[in-house]
């Protein structure tokens, strides 16, 4: 079951990344840092001069999203376990995929 979930998540990410790569133009120097926040939360630290939108999928297939400017933003409401976070940025590298263990 976990392998099926991973395959579904990978397919969703691939479907979302392809159009972003075709439409974007490189100029950034860094990507956001994704980590665990408080219970049920994922934190997204965005570098100066950038904006990122992130979608998180938890182990119970809950979906949460947020859009972030410079600084630390949070996406909350996740089930305990692993959360796969997919972020799209306005500048290169344009996308980031990370897995975070949420408590």
PDB file of N, CA and C in Angstrom:
ATOM      1  N   UNK A   1       0.828  -1.191   0.000  1.00  0.00           N
ATOM      2  CA  UNK A   1       0.000   0.000   0.000  1.00  0.00           C
ATOM      3  C   UNK A   1       0.872   1.254   0.000  1.00  0.00           C
ATOM      4  N   UNK A   2       1.966   1.250   0.784  1.00  0.00           N
ATOM      5  CA  UNK A   2       2.837   2.431   0.836  1.00  0.00           C
ATOM      6  C   UNK A   2       3.499   2.690  -0.517  1.00  0.00           C
ATOM      7  N   UNK A   3       3.852   1.620  -1.239  1.00  0.00           N
ATOM      8  CA  UNK A   3       4.458   1.782  -2.558  1.00  0.00           C
ATOM      9  C   UNK A   3       3.464   2.398  -3.531  1.00  0.00           C
ATOM     10  N   UNK A   4       2.219   2.007  -3.455  1.00  0.00           N
ATOM     11  CA  UNK A   4       1.175   2.573  -4.309  1.00  0.00           C
ATOM     12  C   UNK A   4       1.001   4.052  -4.008  1.00  0.00           C
ATOM     13  N   UNK A   5       1.005   4.420  -2.724  1.00  0.00           N
ATOM     14  CA  UNK A   5       0.877   5.823  -2.337  1.00  0.00           C
ATOM     15  C   UNK A   5       2.043   6.636  -2.880  1.00  0.00           C
ATOM     16  N   UNK A   6       3.244   6.105  -2.775  1.00  0.00           N
ATOM     17  CA  UNK A   6       4.423   6.808  -3.296  1.00  0.00           C
ATOM     18  C   UNK A   6       4.328   6.989  -4.803  1.00  0.00           C
ATOM     19  N   UNK A   7       3.857   5.977  -5.495  1.00  0.00           N
ATOM     20  CA  UNK A   7       3.712   6.067  -6.954  1.00  0.00           C
ATOM     21  C   UNK A   7       2.682   7.115  -7.334  1.00  0.00           C
ATOM     22  N   UNK A   8       1.589   7.178  -6.600  1.00  0.00           N
ATOM     23  CA  UNK A   8       0.550   8.179  -6.872  1.00  0.00           C
ATOM     24  C   UNK A   8       1.103   9.574  -6.624  1.00  0.00           C
ATOM     25  N   UNK A   9       1.800   9.763  -5.515  1.00  0.00           N
ATOM     26  CA  UNK A   9       2.400  11.062  -5.210  1.00  0.00           C
ATOM     27  C   UNK A   9       3.395  11.476  -6.293  1.00  0.00           C
ATOM     28  N   UNK A  10       4.223  10.557  -6.728  1.00  0.00           N
ATOM     29  CA  UNK A  10       5.208  10.863  -7.774  1.00  0.00           C
ATOM     30  C   UNK A  10       4.526  11.259  -9.080  1.00  0.00           C
ATOM     31  N   UNK A  11       3.428  10.591  -9.414  1.00  0.00           N
ATOM     32  CA  UNK A  11       2.699  10.924 -10.639  1.00  0.00           C
ATOM     33  C   UNK A  11       2.076  12.310 -10.557  1.00  0.00           C
ATOM     34  N   UNK A  12       1.529  12.660  -9.387  1.00  0.00           N
ATOM     35  CA  UNK A  12       0.941  13.988  -9.196  1.00  0.00           C
ATOM     36  C   UNK A  12       2.012  15.059  -9.327  1.00  0.00           C
ATOM     37  N   UNK A  13       3.158  14.831  -8.697  1.00  0.00           N
ATOM     38  CA  UNK A  13       4.262  15.791  -8.757  1.00  0.00           C
ATOM     39  C   UNK A  13       4.752  15.951 -10.193  1.00  0.00           C
ATOM     40  N   UNK A  14       4.937  14.856 -10.903  1.00  0.00           N
ATOM     41  CA  UNK A  14       5.420  14.932 -12.288  1.00  0.00           C
ATOM     42  C   UNK A  14       4.443  15.690 -13.175  1.00  0.00           C
ATOM     43  N   UNK A  15       3.156  15.482 -12.974  1.00  0.00           N
ATOM     44  CA  UNK A  15       2.144  16.177 -13.776  1.00  0.00           C
ATOM     45  C   UNK A  15       2.150  17.677 -13.497  1.00  0.00           C
ATOM     46  N   UNK A  16       2.450  18.064 -12.279  1.00  0.00           N
ATOM     47  CA  UNK A  16       2.470  19.485 -11.926  1.00  0.00           C
ATOM     48  C   UNK A  16       3.779  20.161 -12.326  1.00  0.00           C
ATOM     49  N   UNK A  17       4.887  19.447 -12.279  1.00  0.00           N
ATOM     50  CA  UNK A  17       6.204  20.030 -12.550  1.00  0.00           C
ATOM     51  C   UNK A  17       6.416  20.334 -14.031  1.00  0.00           C
ATOM     52  N   UNK A  18       5.987  19.475 -14.905  1.00  0.00           N
ATOM     53  CA  UNK A  18       6.264  19.631 -16.333  1.00  0.00           C
ATOM     54  C   UNK A  18       5.810  20.978 -16.894  1.00  0.00           C
ATOM     55  N   UNK A  19       4.573  21.421 -16.660  1.00  0.00           N
ATOM     56  CA  UNK A  19       4.188  22.740 -17.190  1.00  0.00           C
ATOM     57  C   UNK A  19       4.993  23.882 -16.575  1.00  0.00           C
ATOM     58  N   UNK A  20       5.340  23.771 -15.308  1.00  0.00           N
ATOM     59  CA  UNK A  20       6.115  24.831 -14.648  1.00  0.00           C
ATOM     60  C   UNK A  20       7.497  24.968 -15.273  1.00  0.00           C
ATOM     61  N   UNK A  21       8.109  23.871 -15.619  1.00  0.00           N
ATOM     62  CA  UNK A  21       9.436  23.923 -16.226  1.00  0.00           C
ATOM     63  C   UNK A  21       9.392  24.539 -17.618  1.00  0.00           C
ATOM     64  N   UNK A  22       8.307  24.330 -18.341  1.00  0.00           N
ATOM     65  CA  UNK A  22       8.198  24.856 -19.694  1.00  0.00           C
ATOM     66  C   UNK A  22       7.970  26.369 -19.713  1.00  0.00           C
ATOM     67  N   UNK A  23       7.334  26.916 -18.676  1.00  0.00           N
ATOM     68  CA  UNK A  23       6.962  28.324 -18.672  1.00  0.00           C
ATOM     69  C   UNK A  23       7.919  29.229 -17.910  1.00  0.00           C
ATOM     70  N   UNK A  24       8.867  28.680 -17.187  1.00  0.00           N
ATOM     71  CA  UNK A  24       9.699  29.481 -16.294  1.00  0.00           C
ATOM     72  C   UNK A  24      11.009  29.923 -16.951  1.00  0.00           C
ATOM     73  N   UNK A  25      11.597  30.998 -16.379  1.00  0.00           N
ATOM     74  CA  UNK A  25      12.890  31.508 -16.843  1.00  0.00           C
ATOM     75  C   UNK A  25      13.845  31.597 -15.652  1.00  0.00           C
ATOM     76  N   UNK A  26      15.059  31.064 -15.740  1.00  0.00           N
ATOM     77  CA  UNK A  26      15.949  30.987 -14.584  1.00  0.00           C
ATOM     78  C   UNK A  26      16.462  32.337 -14.097  1.00  0.00           C
ATOM     79  N   UNK A  27      16.533  32.489 -12.745  1.00  0.00           N
ATOM     80  CA  UNK A  27      17.146  33.672 -12.153  1.00  0.00           C
ATOM     81  C   UNK A  27      17.411  33.575 -10.662  1.00  0.00           C
ATOM     82  N   UNK A  28      16.934  32.570  -9.966  1.00  0.00           N
ATOM     83  CA  UNK A  28      17.108  32.491  -8.515  1.00  0.00           C
ATOM     84  C   UNK A  28      18.450  31.919  -8.112  1.00  0.00           C
ATOM     85  N   UNK A  29      18.781  32.113  -6.854  1.00  0.00           N
ATOM     86  CA  UNK A  29      20.037  31.598  -6.341  1.00  0.00           C
ATOM     87  C   UNK A  29      19.831  30.511  -5.301  1.00  0.00           C
ATOM     88  N   UNK A  30      18.603  30.343  -4.786  1.00  0.00           N
ATOM     89  CA  UNK A  30      18.360  29.367  -3.734  1.00  0.00           C
ATOM     90  C   UNK A  30      16.929  28.857  -3.800  1.00  0.00           C
ATOM     91  N   UNK A  31      16.676  27.782  -3.078  1.00  0.00           N
ATOM     92  CA  UNK A  31      15.319  27.258  -2.970  1.00  0.00           C
ATOM     93  C   UNK A  31      14.905  27.312  -1.501  1.00  0.00           C
ATOM     94  N   UNK A  32      13.617  27.152  -1.217  1.00  0.00           N
ATOM     95  CA  UNK A  32      13.186  27.199   0.178  1.00  0.00           C
ATOM     96  C   UNK A  32      13.680  25.987   0.956  1.00  0.00           C
ATOM     97  N   UNK A  33      13.680  26.132   2.275  1.00  0.00           N
ATOM     98  CA  UNK A  33      14.030  25.025   3.162  1.00  0.00           C
ATOM     99  C   UNK A  33      12.739  24.540   3.796  1.00  0.00           C
ATOM    100  N   UNK A  34      12.455  23.252   3.651  1.00  0.00           N
ATOM    101  CA  UNK A  34      11.236  22.661   4.183  1.00  0.00           C
ATOM    102  C   UNK A  34      11.604  21.792   5.374  1.00  0.00           C
ATOM    103  N   UNK A  35      10.875  21.962   6.493  1.00  0.00           N
ATOM    104  CA  UNK A  35      11.150  21.178   7.693  1.00  0.00           C
ATOM    105  C   UNK A  35       9.888  20.988   8.515  1.00  0.00           C
ATOM    106  N   UNK A  36      10.006  20.210   9.593  1.00  0.00           N
ATOM    107  CA  UNK A  36       8.868  19.977  10.479  1.00  0.00           C
ATOM    108  C   UNK A  36       8.688  21.178  11.394  1.00  0.00           C
ATOM    109  N   UNK A  37       7.458  21.562  11.609  1.00  0.00           N
ATOM    110  CA  UNK A  37       7.135  22.642  12.533  1.00  0.00           C
ATOM    111  C   UNK A  37       6.545  22.050  13.800  1.00  0.00           C
ATOM    112  N   UNK A  38       5.539  22.693  14.355  1.00  0.00           N
ATOM    113  CA  UNK A  38       4.836  22.171  15.528  1.00  0.00           C
ATOM    114  C   UNK A  38       4.059  20.926  15.109  1.00  0.00           C
ATOM    115  N   UNK A  39       3.334  20.332  16.050  1.00  0.00           N
ATOM    116  CA  UNK A  39       2.565  19.127  15.759  1.00  0.00           C
ATOM    117  C   UNK A  39       1.621  19.360  14.577  1.00  0.00           C
ATOM    118  N   UNK A  40       1.713  18.498  13.571  1.00  0.00           N
ATOM    119  CA  UNK A  40       0.852  18.587  12.400  1.00  0.00           C
ATOM    120  C   UNK A  40       1.221  19.684  11.417  1.00  0.00           C
ATOM    121  N   UNK A  41       2.415  20.279  11.577  1.00  0.00           N
ATOM    122  CA  UNK A  41       2.820  21.405  10.741  1.00  0.00           C
ATOM    123  C   UNK A  41       4.086  21.142   9.952  1.00  0.00           C
ATOM    124  N   UNK A  42       4.176  21.792   8.792  1.00  0.00           N
ATOM    125  CA  UNK A  42       5.388  21.826   7.982  1.00  0.00           C
ATOM    126  C   UNK A  42       5.772  23.291   7.847  1.00  0.00           C
ATOM    127  N   UNK A  43       7.052  23.616   8.050  1.00  0.00           N
ATOM    128  CA  UNK A  43       7.500  25.000   7.885  1.00  0.00           C
ATOM    129  C   UNK A  43       8.252  25.140   6.565  1.00  0.00           C
ATOM    130  N   UNK A  44       8.081  26.292   5.929  1.00  0.00           N
ATOM    131  CA  UNK A  44       8.723  26.588   4.650  1.00  0.00           C
ATOM    132  C   UNK A  44       9.451  27.917   4.810  1.00  0.00           C
ATOM    133  N   UNK A  45      10.783  27.875   4.726  1.00  0.00           N
ATOM    134  CA  UNK A  45      11.604  29.084   4.865  1.00  0.00           C
ATOM    135  C   UNK A  45      12.019  29.552   3.471  1.00  0.00           C
ATOM    136  N   UNK A  46      11.511  30.733   3.075  1.00  0.00           N
ATOM    137  CA  UNK A  46      11.709  31.245   1.724  1.00  0.00           C
ATOM    138  C   UNK A  46      12.852  32.266   1.703  1.00  0.00           C
ATOM    139  N   UNK A  47      13.814  32.118   0.775  1.00  0.00           N
ATOM    140  CA  UNK A  47      14.929  33.063   0.656  1.00  0.00           C
ATOM    141  C   UNK A  47      14.471  34.451   0.192  1.00  0.00           C
ATOM    142  N   UNK A  48      15.309  35.439   0.416  1.00  0.00           N
ATOM    143  CA  UNK A  48      15.017  36.814   0.021  1.00  0.00           C
ATOM    144  C   UNK A  48      14.759  36.926  -1.474  1.00  0.00           C
ATOM    145  N   UNK A  49      13.782  37.738  -1.836  1.00  0.00           N
ATOM    146  CA  UNK A  49      13.497  38.014  -3.234  1.00  0.00           C
ATOM    147  C   UNK A  49      12.709  36.953  -3.969  1.00  0.00           C
ATOM    148  N   UNK A  50      12.158  35.976  -3.241  1.00  0.00           N
ATOM    149  CA  UNK A  50      11.445  34.883  -3.902  1.00  0.00           C
ATOM    150  C   UNK A  50      10.057  34.685  -3.323  1.00  0.00           C
ATOM    151  N   UNK A  51       9.208  34.019  -4.077  1.00  0.00           N
ATOM    152  CA  UNK A  51       7.861  33.620  -3.663  1.00  0.00           C
ATOM    153  C   UNK A  51       7.659  32.170  -4.066  1.00  0.00           C
ATOM    154  N   UNK A  52       7.090  31.383  -3.168  1.00  0.00           N
ATOM    155  CA  UNK A  52       6.872  29.970  -3.439  1.00  0.00           C
ATOM    156  C   UNK A  52       5.468  29.564  -3.021  1.00  0.00           C
ATOM    157  N   UNK A  53       4.852  28.662  -3.764  1.00  0.00           N
ATOM    158  CA  UNK A  53       3.571  28.054  -3.421  1.00  0.00           C
ATOM    159  C   UNK A  53       3.825  26.579  -3.182  1.00  0.00           C
ATOM    160  N   UNK A  54       3.298  26.065  -2.074  1.00  0.00           N
ATOM    161  CA  UNK A  54       3.572  24.673  -1.703  1.00  0.00           C
ATOM    162  C   UNK A  54       2.279  23.901  -1.456  1.00  0.00           C
ATOM    163  N   UNK A  55       2.326  22.627  -1.813  1.00  0.00           N
ATOM    164  CA  UNK A  55       1.230  21.697  -1.573  1.00  0.00           C
ATOM    165  C   UNK A  55       1.816  20.517  -0.811  1.00  0.00           C
ATOM    166  N   UNK A  56       1.143  20.106   0.261  1.00  0.00           N
ATOM    167  CA  UNK A  56       1.604  18.963   1.043  1.00  0.00           C
ATOM    168  C   UNK A  56       0.578  17.844   1.031  1.00  0.00           C
ATOM    169  N   UNK A  57       1.063  16.616   0.902  1.00  0.00           N
ATOM    170  CA  UNK A  57       0.223  15.421   0.931  1.00  0.00           C
ATOM    171  C   UNK A  57       0.661  14.591   2.126  1.00  0.00           C
ATOM    172  N   UNK A  58      -0.242  14.348   3.095  1.00  0.00           N
ATOM    173  CA  UNK A  58       0.173  13.551   4.248  1.00  0.00           C
ATOM    174  C   UNK A  58      -0.075  12.068   4.014  1.00  0.00           C
ATOM    175  N   UNK A  59       0.308  11.247   4.993  1.00  0.00           N
ATOM    176  CA  UNK A  59       0.219   9.794   4.838  1.00  0.00           C
ATOM    177  C   UNK A  59      -1.222   9.300   4.802  1.00  0.00           C
ATOM    178  N   UNK A  60      -2.172  10.157   5.199  1.00  0.00           N
ATOM    179  CA  UNK A  60      -3.588   9.799   5.119  1.00  0.00           C
ATOM    180  C   UNK A  60      -4.225  10.412   3.864  1.00  0.00           C
ATOM    181  N   UNK A  61      -3.411  10.873   2.923  1.00  0.00           N
ATOM    182  CA  UNK A  61      -3.822  11.528   1.685  1.00  0.00           C
ATOM    183  C   UNK A  61      -4.581  12.826   1.914  1.00  0.00           C
ATOM    184  N   UNK A  62      -4.320  13.478   3.048  1.00  0.00           N
ATOM    185  CA  UNK A  62      -4.845  14.821   3.266  1.00  0.00           C
ATOM    186  C   UNK A  62      -4.004  15.787   2.441  1.00  0.00           C
ATOM    187  N   UNK A  63      -4.622  16.824   1.910  1.00  0.00           N
ATOM    188  CA  UNK A  63      -3.905  17.794   1.086  1.00  0.00           C
ATOM    189  C   UNK A  63      -4.064  19.171   1.708  1.00  0.00           C
ATOM    190  N   UNK A  64      -2.943  19.877   1.880  1.00  0.00           N
ATOM    191  CA  UNK A  64      -2.938  21.241   2.391  1.00  0.00           C
ATOM    192  C   UNK A  64      -2.027  22.060   1.491  1.00  0.00           C
ATOM    193  N   UNK A  65      -2.287  23.360   1.398  1.00  0.00           N
ATOM    194  CA  UNK A  65      -1.482  24.219   0.528  1.00  0.00           C
ATOM    195  C   UNK A  65      -1.248  25.575   1.179  1.00  0.00           C
ATOM    196  N   UNK A  66      -0.225  26.271   0.690  1.00  0.00           N
ATOM    197  CA  UNK A  66       0.060  27.623   1.152  1.00  0.00           C
ATOM    198  C   UNK A  66       0.940  28.344   0.156  1.00  0.00           C
ATOM    199  N   UNK A  67       0.865  29.675   0.163  1.00  0.00           N
ATOM    200  CA  UNK A  67       1.721  30.510  -0.682  1.00  0.00           C
ATOM    201  C   UNK A  67       2.541  31.398   0.237  1.00  0.00           C
ATOM    202  N   UNK A  68       3.846  31.510  -0.048  1.00  0.00           N
ATOM    203  CA  UNK A  68       4.757  32.172   0.879  1.00  0.00           C
ATOM    204  C   UNK A  68       5.660  33.182   0.200  1.00  0.00           C
ATOM    205  N   UNK A  69       5.847  34.312   0.861  1.00  0.00           N
ATOM    206  CA  UNK A  69       6.850  35.289   0.471  1.00  0.00           C
ATOM    207  C   UNK A  69       8.079  35.056   1.332  1.00  0.00           C
ATOM    208  N   UNK A  70       8.960  36.032   1.391  1.00  0.00           N
ATOM    209  CA  UNK A  70      10.202  35.920   2.157  1.00  0.00           C
ATOM    210  C   UNK A  70       9.899  35.663   3.630  1.00  0.00           C
ATOM    211  N   UNK A  71      10.652  34.748   4.249  1.00  0.00           N
ATOM    212  CA  UNK A  71      10.494  34.420   5.666  1.00  0.00           C
ATOM    213  C   UNK A  71      10.044  32.994   5.844  1.00  0.00           C
ATOM    214  N   UNK A  72       9.518  32.714   7.045  1.00  0.00           N
ATOM    215  CA  UNK A  72       9.082  31.359   7.365  1.00  0.00           C
ATOM    216  C   UNK A  72       7.560  31.307   7.368  1.00  0.00           C
ATOM    217  N   UNK A  73       7.018  30.408   6.554  1.00  0.00           N
ATOM    218  CA  UNK A  73       5.577  30.176   6.520  1.00  0.00           C
ATOM    219  C   UNK A  73       5.284  28.775   7.005  1.00  0.00           C
ATOM    220  N   UNK A  74       4.042  28.523   7.361  1.00  0.00           N
ATOM    221  CA  UNK A  74       3.660  27.217   7.873  1.00  0.00           C
ATOM    222  C   UNK A  74       2.408  26.708   7.166  1.00  0.00           C
ATOM    223  N   UNK A  75       2.382  25.395   6.966  1.00  0.00           N
ATOM    224  CA  UNK A  75       1.186  24.708   6.474  1.00  0.00           C
ATOM    225  C   UNK A  75       0.809  23.730   7.582  1.00  0.00           C
ATOM    226  N   UNK A  76      -0.392  23.813   8.083  1.00  0.00           N
ATOM    227  CA  UNK A  76      -0.803  22.969   9.207  1.00  0.00           C
ATOM    228  C   UNK A  76      -1.956  22.048   8.854  1.00  0.00           C
ATOM    229  N   UNK A  77      -2.305  21.179   9.816  1.00  0.00           N
ATOM    230  CA  UNK A  77      -3.441  20.282   9.659  1.00  0.00           C
ATOM    231  C   UNK A  77      -3.104  18.912   9.110  1.00  0.00           C
ATOM    232  N   UNK A  78      -1.822  18.533   9.165  1.00  0.00           N
ATOM    233  CA  UNK A  78      -1.415  17.227   8.637  1.00  0.00           C
ATOM    234  C   UNK A  78      -1.560  16.134   9.686  1.00  0.00           C
ATOM    235  N   UNK A  79      -1.796  14.910   9.215  1.00  0.00           N
ATOM    236  CA  UNK A  79      -1.805  13.737  10.084  1.00  0.00           C
ATOM    237  C   UNK A  79      -0.364  13.408  10.470  1.00  0.00           C
ATOM    238  N   UNK A  80      -0.187  12.784  11.612  1.00  0.00           N
ATOM    239  CA  UNK A  80       1.138  12.359  12.064  1.00  0.00           C
ATOM    240  C   UNK A  80       1.696  11.350  11.068  1.00  0.00           C
ATOM    241  N   UNK A  81       2.972  11.514  10.719  1.00  0.00           N
ATOM    242  CA  UNK A  81       3.625  10.616   9.769  1.00  0.00           C
ATOM    243  C   UNK A  81       4.407  11.412   8.747  1.00  0.00           C
ATOM    244  N   UNK A  82       4.608  10.842   7.581  1.00  0.00           N
ATOM    245  CA  UNK A  82       5.372  11.521   6.533  1.00  0.00           C
ATOM    246  C   UNK A  82       4.472  12.415   5.684  1.00  0.00           C
ATOM    247  N   UNK A  83       5.018  13.588   5.343  1.00  0.00           N
ATOM    248  CA  UNK A  83       4.327  14.528   4.464  1.00  0.00           C
ATOM    249  C   UNK A  83       5.237  14.797   3.276  1.00  0.00           C
ATOM    250  N   UNK A  84       4.715  14.624   2.075  1.00  0.00           N
ATOM    251  CA  UNK A  84       5.446  14.962   0.863  1.00  0.00           C
ATOM    252  C   UNK A  84       5.032  16.364   0.464  1.00  0.00           C
ATOM    253  N   UNK A  85       6.016  17.264   0.352  1.00  0.00           N
ATOM    254  CA  UNK A  85       5.750  18.662   0.040  1.00  0.00           C
ATOM    255  C   UNK A  85       6.307  18.977  -1.341  1.00  0.00           C
ATOM    256  N   UNK A  86       5.460  19.566  -2.175  1.00  0.00           N
ATOM    257  CA  UNK A  86       5.836  19.975  -3.521  1.00  0.00           C
ATOM    258  C   UNK A  86       5.680  21.484  -3.591  1.00  0.00           C
ATOM    259  N   UNK A  87       6.753  22.190  -3.933  1.00  0.00           N
ATOM    260  CA  UNK A  87       6.723  23.653  -4.008  1.00  0.00           C
ATOM    261  C   UNK A  87       7.083  24.130  -5.413  1.00  0.00           C
ATOM    262  N   UNK A  88       6.356  25.139  -5.880  1.00  0.00           N
ATOM    263  CA  UNK A  88       6.650  25.807  -7.147  1.00  0.00           C
ATOM    264  C   UNK A  88       7.074  27.233  -6.839  1.00  0.00           C
ATOM    265  N   UNK A  89       8.189  27.654  -7.448  1.00  0.00           N
ATOM    266  CA  UNK A  89       8.685  29.001  -7.220  1.00  0.00           C
ATOM    267  C   UNK A  89       8.562  29.880  -8.440  1.00  0.00           C
ATOM    268  N   UNK A  90       8.745  31.183  -8.216  1.00  0.00           N
ATOM    269  CA  UNK A  90       8.666  32.142  -9.312  1.00  0.00           C
ATOM    270  C   UNK A  90      10.005  32.280 -10.034  1.00  0.00           C
ATOM    271  N   UNK A  91      11.059  31.708  -9.461  1.00  0.00           N
ATOM    272  CA  UNK A  91      12.396  31.780 -10.050  1.00  0.00           C
ATOM    273  C   UNK A  91      13.063  30.412  -9.957  1.00  0.00           C
ATOM    274  N   UNK A  92      14.113  30.201 -10.739  1.00  0.00           N
ATOM    275  CA  UNK A  92      14.810  28.905 -10.744  1.00  0.00           C
ATOM    276  C   UNK A  92      15.287  28.608  -9.342  1.00  0.00           C
ATOM    277  N   UNK A  93      15.254  27.416  -8.886  1.00  0.00           N
ATOM    278  CA  UNK A  93      15.062  26.146  -9.573  1.00  0.00           C
ATOM    279  C   UNK A  93      13.610  25.777  -9.847  1.00  0.00           C
ATOM    280  N   UNK A  94      12.656  26.660  -9.596  1.00  0.00           N
ATOM    281  CA  UNK A  94      11.250  26.522  -9.963  1.00  0.00           C
ATOM    282  C   UNK A  94      10.452  25.490  -9.195  1.00  0.00           C
ATOM    283  N   UNK A  95      11.048  24.399  -8.773  1.00  0.00           N
ATOM    284  CA  UNK A  95      10.287  23.418  -8.008  1.00  0.00           C
ATOM    285  C   UNK A  95      11.182  22.729  -6.993  1.00  0.00           C
ATOM    286  N   UNK A  96      10.533  22.223  -5.958  1.00  0.00           N
ATOM    287  CA  UNK A  96      11.218  21.509  -4.888  1.00  0.00           C
ATOM    288  C   UNK A  96      10.271  20.440  -4.397  1.00  0.00           C
ATOM    289  N   UNK A  97      10.769  19.239  -4.208  1.00  0.00           N
ATOM    290  CA  UNK A  97       9.990  18.163  -3.625  1.00  0.00           C
ATOM    291  C   UNK A  97      10.755  17.672  -2.410  1.00  0.00           C
ATOM    292  N   UNK A  98      10.069  17.587  -1.274  1.00  0.00           N
ATOM    293  CA  UNK A  98      10.710  17.140  -0.031  1.00  0.00           C
ATOM    294  C   UNK A  98       9.740  16.272   0.757  1.00  0.00           C
ATOM    295  N   UNK A  99      10.282  15.388   1.568  1.00  0.00           N
ATOM    296  CA  UNK A  99       9.474  14.591   2.484  1.00  0.00           C
ATOM    297  C   UNK A  99       9.885  14.954   3.909  1.00  0.00           C
ATOM    298  N   UNK A 100       8.889  15.245   4.731  1.00  0.00           N
ATOM    299  CA  UNK A 100       9.119  15.685   6.100  1.00  0.00           C
ATOM    300  C   UNK A 100       8.362  14.766   7.039  1.00  0.00           C
ATOM    301  N   UNK A 101       8.981  14.409   8.160  1.00  0.00           N
ATOM    302  CA  UNK A 101       8.305  13.601   9.172  1.00  0.00           C
ATOM    303  C   UNK A 101       7.607  14.546  10.142  1.00  0.00           C
ATOM    304  N   UNK A 102       6.280  14.474  10.184  1.00  0.00           N
ATOM    305  CA  UNK A 102       5.469  15.351  11.041  1.00  0.00           C
ATOM    306  C   UNK A 102       5.077  14.595  12.292  1.00  0.00           C
ATOM    307  N   UNK A 103       5.184  15.293  13.412  1.00  0.00           N
ATOM    308  CA  UNK A 103       4.812  14.645  14.684  1.00  0.00           C
ATOM    309  C   UNK A 103       3.396  14.962  15.073  1.00  0.00           C
TER     310      UNK A 103
END
